[in-house]
């Protein structure tokens, strides 16, 4: 099994979530990368289902922003 199908699925999920709900996707990425404050109003916009195990690019973006921002 190569990495291409895994990354392709992850890219498709990232693009569809950003196109479908851009504010929710960006808020989720920034919230979990600890660039947004943790409060109840932002938690309403955060979608935990975007962070399942198969969504590798979301995890990569979150960890990248955590490390380098």
N, C-alpha and C. Protein backbone atom coordinates (compact mmCIF):
# COMPACT_ATOMS: atom_id res chain seq x y z
N UNK A 1 0.85 -1.18 0.00
CA UNK A 1 0.00 0.00 0.00
C UNK A 1 0.89 1.24 0.00
N UNK A 2 0.65 2.10 -0.92
CA UNK A 2 1.47 3.31 -0.99
C UNK A 2 0.76 4.47 -0.29
N UNK A 3 1.45 5.56 -0.19
CA UNK A 3 0.90 6.73 0.47
C UNK A 3 -0.04 7.55 -0.42
N UNK A 4 0.01 7.31 -1.71
CA UNK A 4 -0.79 8.11 -2.64
C UNK A 4 -2.29 8.03 -2.37
N UNK A 5 -2.88 6.84 -2.19
CA UNK A 5 -4.33 6.82 -1.91
C UNK A 5 -4.68 7.48 -0.58
N UNK A 6 -3.82 7.32 0.42
CA UNK A 6 -4.08 7.94 1.72
C UNK A 6 -4.06 9.46 1.60
N UNK A 7 -3.06 9.97 0.92
CA UNK A 7 -2.95 11.42 0.78
C UNK A 7 -4.03 11.97 -0.15
N UNK A 8 -4.40 11.21 -1.17
CA UNK A 8 -5.45 11.67 -2.07
C UNK A 8 -6.77 11.82 -1.33
N UNK A 9 -7.11 10.82 -0.51
CA UNK A 9 -8.34 10.92 0.29
C UNK A 9 -8.28 12.10 1.25
N UNK A 10 -7.12 12.31 1.83
CA UNK A 10 -6.97 13.41 2.78
C UNK A 10 -7.08 14.77 2.08
N UNK A 11 -6.51 14.88 0.90
CA UNK A 11 -6.62 16.13 0.13
C UNK A 11 -8.07 16.38 -0.26
N UNK A 12 -8.76 15.35 -0.70
CA UNK A 12 -10.16 15.50 -1.09
C UNK A 12 -10.99 15.93 0.11
N UNK A 13 -10.76 15.34 1.27
CA UNK A 13 -11.52 15.71 2.47
C UNK A 13 -11.21 17.14 2.89
N UNK A 14 -9.94 17.54 2.80
CA UNK A 14 -9.57 18.91 3.17
C UNK A 14 -10.23 19.92 2.24
N UNK A 15 -10.13 19.67 0.95
CA UNK A 15 -10.69 20.61 -0.04
C UNK A 15 -12.21 20.68 0.08
N UNK A 16 -12.87 19.55 0.24
CA UNK A 16 -14.34 19.58 0.34
C UNK A 16 -14.80 20.27 1.62
N UNK A 17 -14.07 20.08 2.70
CA UNK A 17 -14.48 20.75 3.94
C UNK A 17 -14.24 22.25 3.85
N UNK A 18 -13.16 22.67 3.20
CA UNK A 18 -12.89 24.10 3.06
C UNK A 18 -13.89 24.75 2.10
N UNK A 19 -14.25 24.05 1.04
CA UNK A 19 -15.21 24.59 0.09
C UNK A 19 -16.62 24.59 0.69
N UNK A 20 -16.96 23.53 1.40
CA UNK A 20 -18.31 23.39 1.97
C UNK A 20 -18.54 24.35 3.13
N UNK A 21 -17.63 24.38 4.08
CA UNK A 21 -17.74 25.25 5.26
C UNK A 21 -16.39 25.90 5.56
N UNK A 22 -16.06 26.97 4.87
CA UNK A 22 -14.72 27.55 5.04
C UNK A 22 -14.48 28.12 6.44
N UNK A 23 -15.45 28.78 7.02
CA UNK A 23 -15.25 29.38 8.34
C UNK A 23 -15.06 28.31 9.41
N UNK A 24 -15.83 27.26 9.31
CA UNK A 24 -15.72 26.16 10.28
C UNK A 24 -14.38 25.45 10.15
N UNK A 25 -13.93 25.23 8.92
CA UNK A 25 -12.66 24.53 8.71
C UNK A 25 -11.48 25.35 9.22
N UNK A 26 -11.46 26.63 8.89
CA UNK A 26 -10.36 27.49 9.34
C UNK A 26 -10.40 27.65 10.86
N UNK A 27 -11.59 27.79 11.42
CA UNK A 27 -11.71 27.92 12.87
C UNK A 27 -11.23 26.66 13.56
N UNK A 28 -11.56 25.50 13.03
CA UNK A 28 -11.12 24.24 13.62
C UNK A 28 -9.60 24.12 13.59
N UNK A 29 -9.00 24.47 12.46
CA UNK A 29 -7.54 24.39 12.34
C UNK A 29 -6.88 25.35 13.31
N UNK A 30 -7.34 26.58 13.36
CA UNK A 30 -6.72 27.57 14.25
C UNK A 30 -6.99 27.27 15.72
N UNK A 31 -8.15 26.73 16.03
CA UNK A 31 -8.50 26.42 17.41
C UNK A 31 -7.61 25.31 17.96
N UNK A 32 -7.44 24.24 17.19
CA UNK A 32 -6.62 23.13 17.66
C UNK A 32 -5.13 23.40 17.55
N UNK A 33 -4.73 24.37 16.75
CA UNK A 33 -3.32 24.74 16.73
C UNK A 33 -2.99 25.78 17.80
N UNK A 34 -3.99 26.08 18.63
CA UNK A 34 -3.85 26.97 19.78
C UNK A 34 -3.53 28.42 19.39
N UNK A 35 -4.03 28.83 18.24
CA UNK A 35 -3.88 30.22 17.81
C UNK A 35 -5.13 31.04 18.12
N UNK A 36 -6.20 30.37 18.48
CA UNK A 36 -7.42 31.05 18.91
C UNK A 36 -7.64 30.74 20.39
N UNK A 37 -8.25 31.67 21.11
CA UNK A 37 -8.51 31.40 22.53
C UNK A 37 -9.58 30.31 22.68
N UNK A 38 -9.49 29.57 23.76
CA UNK A 38 -10.46 28.52 24.03
C UNK A 38 -11.62 29.11 24.83
N UNK A 39 -12.70 29.40 24.13
CA UNK A 39 -13.90 29.88 24.81
C UNK A 39 -15.12 29.22 24.21
N UNK A 40 -16.23 29.41 24.83
CA UNK A 40 -17.46 28.71 24.47
C UNK A 40 -18.02 29.15 23.12
N UNK A 41 -17.79 30.38 22.74
CA UNK A 41 -18.32 30.86 21.46
C UNK A 41 -17.58 30.23 20.28
N UNK A 42 -16.28 30.07 20.41
CA UNK A 42 -15.53 29.44 19.32
C UNK A 42 -15.74 27.93 19.29
N UNK A 43 -16.00 27.33 20.44
CA UNK A 43 -16.23 25.88 20.47
C UNK A 43 -17.47 25.49 19.68
N UNK A 44 -18.39 26.41 19.52
CA UNK A 44 -19.58 26.12 18.72
C UNK A 44 -19.25 25.96 17.24
N UNK A 45 -18.21 26.63 16.79
CA UNK A 45 -17.82 26.55 15.38
C UNK A 45 -16.85 25.41 15.09
N UNK A 46 -16.25 24.86 16.11
CA UNK A 46 -15.25 23.81 15.93
C UNK A 46 -15.94 22.48 15.66
N UNK A 47 -15.51 21.79 14.64
CA UNK A 47 -16.06 20.47 14.29
C UNK A 47 -15.01 19.40 14.58
N UNK A 48 -15.27 18.64 15.62
CA UNK A 48 -14.31 17.59 16.01
C UNK A 48 -14.27 16.44 15.01
N UNK A 49 -15.33 16.26 14.24
CA UNK A 49 -15.34 15.17 13.27
C UNK A 49 -14.36 15.41 12.12
N UNK A 50 -13.88 16.64 11.97
CA UNK A 50 -12.86 16.90 10.94
C UNK A 50 -11.50 16.33 11.34
N UNK A 51 -11.33 15.97 12.60
CA UNK A 51 -10.04 15.52 13.11
C UNK A 51 -9.98 14.02 13.32
N UNK A 52 -10.68 13.24 12.53
CA UNK A 52 -10.58 11.80 12.70
C UNK A 52 -9.22 11.32 12.21
N UNK A 53 -8.94 10.06 12.41
CA UNK A 53 -7.60 9.52 12.16
C UNK A 53 -7.18 9.57 10.68
N UNK A 54 -8.12 9.53 9.76
CA UNK A 54 -7.78 9.50 8.35
C UNK A 54 -7.54 10.85 7.71
N UNK A 55 -7.73 11.90 8.44
CA UNK A 55 -7.59 13.24 7.89
C UNK A 55 -6.19 13.77 8.18
N UNK A 56 -5.23 13.27 7.43
CA UNK A 56 -3.81 13.53 7.71
C UNK A 56 -3.41 14.98 7.47
N UNK A 57 -3.96 15.63 6.47
CA UNK A 57 -3.57 17.00 6.18
C UNK A 57 -4.08 17.99 7.22
N UNK A 58 -5.24 17.73 7.80
CA UNK A 58 -5.69 18.57 8.90
C UNK A 58 -4.71 18.47 10.06
N UNK A 59 -4.31 17.25 10.40
CA UNK A 59 -3.35 17.07 11.48
C UNK A 59 -2.01 17.71 11.15
N UNK A 60 -1.59 17.59 9.90
CA UNK A 60 -0.34 18.21 9.49
C UNK A 60 -0.41 19.73 9.62
N UNK A 61 -1.49 20.34 9.15
CA UNK A 61 -1.63 21.79 9.25
C UNK A 61 -1.68 22.26 10.70
N UNK A 62 -2.37 21.53 11.53
CA UNK A 62 -2.46 21.90 12.95
C UNK A 62 -1.09 21.82 13.60
N UNK A 63 -0.38 20.73 13.38
CA UNK A 63 0.95 20.58 13.99
C UNK A 63 1.96 21.56 13.41
N UNK A 64 1.84 21.86 12.14
CA UNK A 64 2.72 22.85 11.52
C UNK A 64 2.51 24.22 12.15
N UNK A 65 1.27 24.62 12.30
CA UNK A 65 0.99 25.92 12.91
C UNK A 65 1.38 25.95 14.39
N UNK A 66 1.22 24.84 15.07
CA UNK A 66 1.64 24.77 16.48
C UNK A 66 3.14 24.97 16.62
N UNK A 67 3.88 24.38 15.72
CA UNK A 67 5.36 24.42 15.84
C UNK A 67 5.95 25.73 15.36
N UNK A 68 5.44 26.26 14.26
CA UNK A 68 6.12 27.38 13.62
C UNK A 68 5.43 28.71 13.73
N UNK A 69 4.34 28.80 14.44
CA UNK A 69 3.67 30.09 14.54
C UNK A 69 3.92 30.70 15.88
